[in-house]
């Protein structure tokens, strides 16, 4: 939420019949360990946040056409690509 104020963009905007939702940056706890579980919880928080933003406009994930999702997983424990 701080980033919305800092970078001057709205979390969600309506344009006619469309809602545009801006980026959600939610990661694992900054001071805690990066584990698969903290990554999952960060992703869940981001999706809950999106769900709540959509609900504020009487919409749900059933109304979503596309989601672009970018993830940075740089912890030593991560062995995937």
Protein backbone atom coordinates (compact mmCIF):
# COMPACT_ATOMS: atom_id res chain seq x y z
CA UNK A 1 0.00 0.00 0.00
CA UNK A 2 2.91 2.27 0.70
CA UNK A 3 4.08 1.78 -2.88
CA UNK A 4 0.77 3.14 -4.22
CA UNK A 5 1.46 6.42 -2.43
CA UNK A 6 5.16 6.43 -3.26
CA UNK A 7 4.76 5.68 -6.99
CA UNK A 8 1.38 7.42 -7.47
CA UNK A 9 -0.69 4.61 -8.93
CA UNK A 10 -4.09 3.32 -7.98
CA UNK A 11 -4.56 -0.25 -6.72
CA UNK A 12 -7.64 -0.67 -8.94
CA UNK A 13 -9.47 1.40 -11.55
CA UNK A 14 -12.72 0.95 -13.39
CA UNK A 15 -12.88 1.79 -17.10
CA UNK A 16 -16.39 1.09 -18.36
CA UNK A 17 -17.06 -2.59 -17.83
CA UNK A 18 -13.40 -3.36 -17.04
CA UNK A 19 -11.39 -3.29 -13.83
CA UNK A 20 -7.64 -2.81 -14.01
CA UNK A 21 -5.72 -3.99 -10.97
CA UNK A 22 -2.17 -2.76 -10.53
CA UNK A 23 0.70 -4.77 -9.19
CA UNK A 24 0.73 -6.38 -5.81
CA UNK A 25 4.14 -6.82 -4.25
CA UNK A 26 3.99 -9.18 -1.33
CA UNK A 27 6.86 -11.43 -0.44
CA UNK A 28 8.03 -13.45 2.50
CA UNK A 29 8.77 -11.75 5.79
CA UNK A 30 11.78 -9.49 5.15
CA UNK A 31 13.54 -10.43 8.38
CA UNK A 32 12.59 -14.10 8.38
CA UNK A 33 13.93 -17.09 6.51
CA UNK A 34 12.92 -17.66 2.90
CA UNK A 35 11.41 -21.11 2.78
CA UNK A 36 8.89 -22.80 0.51
CA UNK A 37 6.28 -22.19 3.22
CA UNK A 38 6.97 -18.45 3.52
CA UNK A 39 6.86 -18.20 -0.29
CA UNK A 40 3.47 -19.96 -0.35
CA UNK A 41 2.12 -17.70 2.40
CA UNK A 42 3.30 -14.61 0.52
CA UNK A 43 1.51 -15.81 -2.61
CA UNK A 44 -1.64 -16.53 -0.60
CA UNK A 45 -1.52 -13.03 0.92
CA UNK A 46 -1.23 -11.51 -2.55
CA UNK A 47 -4.24 -13.49 -3.82
CA UNK A 48 -6.30 -12.62 -0.73
CA UNK A 49 -5.45 -8.97 -1.30
CA UNK A 50 -6.56 -9.23 -4.95
CA UNK A 51 -9.75 -11.02 -3.94
CA UNK A 52 -10.59 -8.23 -1.49
CA UNK A 53 -9.87 -5.50 -4.06
CA UNK A 54 -12.12 -7.25 -6.58
CA UNK A 55 -14.87 -7.69 -3.98
CA UNK A 56 -14.82 -3.94 -3.29
CA UNK A 57 -16.01 -3.55 -6.90
CA UNK A 58 -18.54 -6.41 -6.72
CA UNK A 59 -16.26 -8.68 -8.75
CA UNK A 60 -14.49 -11.97 -8.09
CA UNK A 61 -11.85 -14.19 -9.66
CA UNK A 62 -14.65 -15.57 -11.84
CA UNK A 63 -14.53 -12.20 -13.63
CA UNK A 64 -10.76 -12.20 -14.17
CA UNK A 65 -9.57 -12.63 -17.75
CA UNK A 66 -5.80 -12.61 -17.25
CA UNK A 67 -3.22 -12.46 -14.47
CA UNK A 68 0.46 -11.77 -15.08
CA UNK A 69 2.42 -13.15 -12.17
CA UNK A 70 6.14 -12.65 -11.59
CA UNK A 71 8.07 -14.37 -8.82
CA UNK A 72 11.59 -13.92 -7.48
CA UNK A 73 12.79 -16.93 -5.58
CA UNK A 74 16.45 -16.46 -4.72
CA UNK A 75 16.75 -18.40 -1.46
CA UNK A 76 19.47 -21.03 -1.19
CA UNK A 77 16.85 -23.69 -0.44
CA UNK A 78 15.23 -23.27 -3.86
CA UNK A 79 16.65 -25.74 -6.34
CA UNK A 80 14.23 -25.17 -9.23
CA UNK A 81 14.42 -22.86 -12.23
